Amino acid sequence: MKKYKNLKEFLKSKGVDASTPSEEIERLKGEYRKLYLAHFSKEKRGKRITINPSQKDFEELEKQAAEKDMKLSRYVLDAALAYGSGGYIMPSYEGLDKLIFELNAIGRNINSVVKNMHSNRSYGDVVPYENLRSEFRKVDKLILSYLTTAEKKEDDH
């Protein structure tokens, strides 16, 4: 495929000219397309893995991928890698935008509580500290809700 920059060069190398029948040109276009796709799939993509889940498992994977705003193939790959490394499955960039928006809102709440604490000089008062603790719990809960752990289940081998 590296020999030909485009279809025009490919057809020229095959001796196509104005007298070449249209059927032959279409056949050569098909040949070029096969070469192009074979080259593209080797260059742009890695290895192919095929899995055959049950309908129930497939639907569950689709549901989990949709919850993370991810394509199914990306979700399955991320889940397999996270499972092997004991890591997390990150949501898509759209999901991260939503997470950042919500974290910013909680951050504003925290700033408000701290500003109130400083302006009132109520360091001995437990209420502002409880409000602050509550906001930090929200941060923990929110971040964990966006991350999926790839933990082994009891029945896994």
C-alpha atoms as a PDB file:
ATOM      1  CA  MET A   1       0.000   0.000   0.000  1.00  0.00           C
ATOM      2  CA  LYS A   2       2.930   2.317   0.604  1.00  0.00           C
ATOM      3  CA  LYS A   3       3.715   2.174  -3.116  1.00  0.00           C
ATOM      4  CA  TYR A   4       0.509   4.033  -3.989  1.00  0.00           C
ATOM      5  CA  LYS A   5      -0.357   7.425  -2.517  1.00  0.00           C
ATOM      6  CA  ASN A   6      -3.920   7.271  -3.799  1.00  0.00           C
ATOM      7  CA  LEU A   7      -6.378   5.463  -6.071  1.00  0.00           C
ATOM      8  CA  LYS A   8      -5.289   7.463  -9.110  1.00  0.00           C
ATOM      9  CA  GLU A   9      -1.681   6.246  -8.780  1.00  0.00           C
ATOM     10  CA  PHE A  10      -2.869   2.676  -8.238  1.00  0.00           C
ATOM     11  CA  LEU A  11      -5.023   2.744 -11.391  1.00  0.00           C
ATOM     12  CA  LYS A  12      -2.191   4.335 -13.373  1.00  0.00           C
ATOM     13  CA  SER A  13       0.199   1.571 -12.247  1.00  0.00           C
ATOM     14  CA  LYS A  14      -2.293  -1.025 -13.494  1.00  0.00           C
ATOM     15  CA  GLY A  15      -2.295   0.577 -16.945  1.00  0.00           C
ATOM     16  CA  VAL A  16      -5.763   2.117 -16.784  1.00  0.00           C
ATOM     17  CA  ASP A  17      -6.415   4.690 -19.470  1.00  0.00           C
ATOM     18  CA  ALA A  18      -9.403   6.168 -21.295  1.00  0.00           C
ATOM     19  CA  SER A  19      -9.965   2.949 -23.270  1.00  0.00           C
ATOM     20  CA  THR A  20     -10.179   0.702 -20.159  1.00  0.00           C
ATOM     21  CA  PRO A  21     -13.703  -0.752 -19.714  1.00  0.00           C
ATOM     22  CA  SER A  22     -15.642   0.566 -16.710  1.00  0.00           C
ATOM     23  CA  GLU A  23     -16.070  -2.999 -15.349  1.00  0.00           C
ATOM     24  CA  GLU A  24     -12.285  -3.389 -15.202  1.00  0.00           C
ATOM     25  CA  ILE A  25     -11.926  -0.012 -13.482  1.00  0.00           C
ATOM     26  CA  GLU A  26     -14.534  -1.009 -10.862  1.00  0.00           C
ATOM     27  CA  ARG A  27     -12.745  -4.327 -10.280  1.00  0.00           C
ATOM     28  CA  LEU A  28      -9.443  -2.490  -9.777  1.00  0.00           C
ATOM     29  CA  LYS A  29     -11.103   0.003  -7.420  1.00  0.00           C
ATOM     30  CA  GLY A  30     -12.291  -2.966  -5.350  1.00  0.00           C
ATOM     31  CA  GLU A  31      -8.766  -4.397  -5.357  1.00  0.00           C
ATOM     32  CA  TYR A  32      -7.374  -1.029  -4.209  1.00  0.00           C
ATOM     33  CA  ARG A  33      -9.978  -0.810  -1.453  1.00  0.00           C
ATOM     34  CA  LYS A  34      -9.012  -4.270  -0.144  1.00  0.00           C
ATOM     35  CA  LEU A  35      -5.340  -3.272  -0.096  1.00  0.00           C
ATOM     36  CA  TYR A  36      -6.168   0.020   1.579  1.00  0.00           C
ATOM     37  CA  LEU A  37      -8.325  -1.578   4.281  1.00  0.00           C
ATOM     38  CA  ALA A  38      -5.738  -4.293   4.945  1.00  0.00           C
ATOM     39  CA  HIS A  39      -3.048  -1.633   5.333  1.00  0.00           C
ATOM     40  CA  PHE A  40      -5.281   0.660   7.405  1.00  0.00           C
ATOM     41  CA  SER A  41      -6.301  -2.068   9.838  1.00  0.00           C
ATOM     42  CA  LYS A  42      -2.678  -3.062  10.422  1.00  0.00           C
ATOM     43  CA  GLU A  43      -1.482   0.511  10.796  1.00  0.00           C
ATOM     44  CA  LYS A  44      -4.259   2.119  12.841  1.00  0.00           C
ATOM     45  CA  ARG A  45      -5.520  -0.712  14.982  1.00  0.00           C
ATOM     46  CA  GLY A  46      -3.877  -3.278  17.147  1.00  0.00           C
ATOM     47  CA  LYS A  47      -4.947  -6.853  17.561  1.00  0.00           C
ATOM     48  CA  ARG A  48      -8.516  -8.063  17.331  1.00  0.00           C
ATOM     49  CA  ILE A  49     -10.111  -9.983  20.187  1.00  0.00           C
ATOM     50  CA  THR A  50     -13.438 -11.732  19.828  1.00  0.00           C
ATOM     51  CA  ILE A  51     -15.669 -12.587  22.779  1.00  0.00           C
ATOM     52  CA  ASN A  52     -19.020 -14.336  22.778  1.00  0.00           C
ATOM     53  CA  PRO A  53     -20.997 -13.285  25.868  1.00  0.00           C
ATOM     54  CA  SER A  54     -24.438 -14.598  26.668  1.00  0.00           C
ATOM     55  CA  GLN A  55     -27.324 -12.265  25.864  1.00  0.00           C
ATOM     56  CA  LYS A  56     -27.655 -11.407  29.559  1.00  0.00           C
ATOM     57  CA  ASP A  57     -23.931 -10.591  29.897  1.00  0.00           C
ATOM     58  CA  PHE A  58     -23.982  -8.599  26.662  1.00  0.00           C
ATOM     59  CA  GLU A  59     -26.910  -6.494  27.882  1.00  0.00           C
ATOM     60  CA  GLU A  60     -25.154  -5.917  31.208  1.00  0.00           C
ATOM     61  CA  LEU A  61     -21.963  -4.798  29.429  1.00  0.00           C
ATOM     62  CA  GLU A  62     -23.972  -2.443  27.218  1.00  0.00           C
ATOM     63  CA  LYS A  63     -25.700  -0.994  30.279  1.00  0.00           C
ATOM     64  CA  GLN A  64     -22.409  -0.471  32.131  1.00  0.00           C
ATOM     65  CA  ALA A  65     -20.782   1.138  29.081  1.00  0.00           C
ATOM     66  CA  ALA A  66     -23.759   3.478  28.660  1.00  0.00           C
ATOM     67  CA  GLU A  67     -23.556   4.472  32.341  1.00  0.00           C
ATOM     68  CA  LYS A  68     -19.939   5.535  31.753  1.00  0.00           C
ATOM     69  CA  ASP A  69     -20.780   7.253  28.427  1.00  0.00           C
ATOM     70  CA  MET A  70     -18.382   4.898  26.652  1.00  0.00           C
ATOM     71  CA  LYS A  71     -18.484   2.788  23.527  1.00  0.00           C
ATOM     72  CA  LEU A  72     -18.910  -0.890  24.331  1.00  0.00           C
ATOM     73  CA  SER A  73     -15.558  -1.949  22.835  1.00  0.00           C
ATOM     74  CA  ARG A  74     -13.651   0.743  24.773  1.00  0.00           C
ATOM     75  CA  TYR A  75     -15.476  -0.180  27.995  1.00  0.00           C
ATOM     76  CA  VAL A  76     -14.722  -3.905  27.631  1.00  0.00           C
ATOM     77  CA  LEU A  77     -11.037  -3.201  26.947  1.00  0.00           C
ATOM     78  CA  ASP A  78     -10.758  -0.779  29.878  1.00  0.00           C
ATOM     79  CA  ALA A  79     -12.597  -3.224  32.161  1.00  0.00           C
ATOM     80  CA  ALA A  80     -10.282  -6.094  31.212  1.00  0.00           C
ATOM     81  CA  LEU A  81      -7.163  -3.985  31.766  1.00  0.00           C
ATOM     82  CA  ALA A  82      -8.477  -2.597  35.069  1.00  0.00           C
ATOM     83  CA  TYR A  83      -9.394  -6.113  36.221  1.00  0.00           C
ATOM     84  CA  GLY A  84      -5.878  -7.333  35.547  1.00  0.00           C
ATOM     85  CA  SER A  85      -4.180  -4.406  37.256  1.00  0.00           C
ATOM     86  CA  GLY A  86      -6.717  -3.926  40.066  1.00  0.00           C
ATOM     87  CA  GLY A  87      -7.332  -0.385  38.829  1.00  0.00           C
ATOM     88  CA  TYR A  88     -10.316   1.717  37.885  1.00  0.00           C
ATOM     89  CA  ILE A  89     -12.386   2.200  34.765  1.00  0.00           C
ATOM     90  CA  MET A  90     -12.530   5.892  33.938  1.00  0.00           C
ATOM     91  CA  PRO A  91     -15.622   7.436  32.350  1.00  0.00           C
ATOM     92  CA  SER A  92     -15.477   9.043  28.926  1.00  0.00           C
ATOM     93  CA  TYR A  93     -14.484  12.671  28.493  1.00  0.00           C
ATOM     94  CA  GLU A  94     -18.174  13.655  28.490  1.00  0.00           C
ATOM     95  CA  GLY A  95     -18.573  11.891  31.831  1.00  0.00           C
ATOM     96  CA  LEU A  96     -15.493  13.664  33.167  1.00  0.00           C
ATOM     97  CA  ASP A  97     -16.963  17.025  32.140  1.00  0.00           C
ATOM     98  CA  LYS A  98     -20.030  16.277  34.246  1.00  0.00           C
ATOM     99  CA  LEU A  99     -17.842  15.142  37.160  1.00  0.00           C
ATOM    100  CA  ILE A 100     -15.750  18.324  36.981  1.00  0.00           C
ATOM    101  CA  PHE A 101     -18.895  20.468  36.909  1.00  0.00           C
ATOM    102  CA  GLU A 102     -20.287  18.743  40.007  1.00  0.00           C
ATOM    103  CA  LEU A 103     -16.933  18.892  41.830  1.00  0.00           C
ATOM    104  CA  ASN A 104     -16.715  22.614  41.104  1.00  0.00           C
ATOM    105  CA  ALA A 105     -20.158  23.112  42.660  1.00  0.00           C
ATOM    106  CA  ILE A 106     -19.089  21.219  45.780  1.00  0.00           C
ATOM    107  CA  GLY A 107     -15.865  23.254  45.855  1.00  0.00           C
ATOM    108  CA  ARG A 108     -17.888  26.457  45.891  1.00  0.00           C
ATOM    109  CA  ASN A 109     -19.911  25.072  48.824  1.00  0.00           C
ATOM    110  CA  ILE A 110     -16.693  24.281  50.713  1.00  0.00           C
ATOM    111  CA  ASN A 111     -15.331  27.772  50.055  1.00  0.00           C
ATOM    112  CA  SER A 112     -18.593  29.244  51.339  1.00  0.00           C
ATOM    113  CA  VAL A 113     -18.475  27.186  54.547  1.00  0.00           C
ATOM    114  CA  VAL A 114     -14.822  28.098  55.199  1.00  0.00           C
ATOM    115  CA  LYS A 115     -15.433  31.782  54.449  1.00  0.00           C
ATOM    116  CA  ASN A 116     -18.388  31.720  56.865  1.00  0.00           C
ATOM    117  CA  MET A 117     -16.256  30.037  59.518  1.00  0.00           C
ATOM    118  CA  HIS A 118     -13.520  32.677  59.174  1.00  0.00           C
ATOM    119  CA  SER A 119     -15.862  35.637  59.105  1.00  0.00           C
ATOM    120  CA  ASN A 120     -17.820  34.499  62.172  1.00  0.00           C
ATOM    121  CA  ARG A 121     -14.741  33.325  64.052  1.00  0.00           C
ATOM    122  CA  SER A 122     -16.784  30.337  65.186  1.00  0.00           C
ATOM    123  CA  TYR A 123     -13.904  27.901  65.480  1.00  0.00           C
ATOM    124  CA  GLY A 124     -15.366  26.308  68.588  1.00  0.00           C
ATOM    125  CA  ASP A 125     -18.720  25.787  66.887  1.00  0.00           C
ATOM    126  CA  VAL A 126     -19.233  22.220  65.639  1.00  0.00           C
ATOM    127  CA  VAL A 127     -21.841  23.051  62.942  1.00  0.00           C
ATOM    128  CA  PRO A 128     -19.447  24.565  60.340  1.00  0.00           C
ATOM    129  CA  TYR A 129     -17.051  21.651  60.775  1.00  0.00           C
ATOM    130  CA  GLU A 130     -19.886  19.194  60.241  1.00  0.00           C
ATOM    131  CA  ASN A 131     -20.909  21.109  57.111  1.00  0.00           C
ATOM    132  CA  LEU A 132     -17.337  20.920  55.879  1.00  0.00           C
ATOM    133  CA  ARG A 133     -17.113  17.205  56.625  1.00  0.00           C
ATOM    134  CA  SER A 134     -20.404  16.682  54.805  1.00  0.00           C
ATOM    135  CA  GLU A 135     -19.079  18.438  51.682  1.00  0.00           C
ATOM    136  CA  PHE A 136     -15.913  16.320  51.690  1.00  0.00           C
ATOM    137  CA  ARG A 137     -18.021  13.162  51.989  1.00  0.00           C
ATOM    138  CA  LYS A 138     -19.944  14.344  48.922  1.00  0.00           C
ATOM    139  CA  VAL A 139     -16.658  14.671  47.037  1.00  0.00           C
ATOM    140  CA  ASP A 140     -15.624  11.128  47.980  1.00  0.00           C
ATOM    141  CA  LYS A 141     -18.989   9.694  47.053  1.00  0.00           C
ATOM    142  CA  LEU A 142     -19.145  11.580  43.764  1.00  0.00           C
ATOM    143  CA  ILE A 143     -15.672  10.564  42.614  1.00  0.00           C
ATOM    144  CA  LEU A 144     -16.256   6.939  43.539  1.00  0.00           C
ATOM    145  CA  SER A 145     -19.583   6.947  41.706  1.00  0.00           C
ATOM    146  CA  TYR A 146     -17.739   7.926  38.515  1.00  0.00           C
ATOM    147  CA  LEU A 147     -15.047   5.299  38.910  1.00  0.00           C
ATOM    148  CA  THR A 148     -15.746   1.631  38.533  1.00  0.00           C
ATOM    149  CA  THR A 149     -13.472  -0.799  40.285  1.00  0.00           C
ATOM    150  CA  ALA A 150     -12.631  -4.033  38.567  1.00  0.00           C
ATOM    151  CA  GLU A 151     -12.805  -6.298  41.585  1.00  0.00           C
ATOM    152  CA  LYS A 152     -12.917 -10.061  41.370  1.00  0.00           C
ATOM    153  CA  LYS A 153     -16.204 -11.613  42.372  1.00  0.00           C
ATOM    154  CA  GLU A 154     -16.389 -14.555  44.758  1.00  0.00           C
ATOM    155  CA  ASP A 155     -17.332 -16.997  41.986  1.00  0.00           C
ATOM    156  CA  ASP A 156     -14.492 -15.868  39.627  1.00  0.00           C
ATOM    157  CA  HIS A 157     -11.649 -18.271  39.013  1.00  0.00           C
END
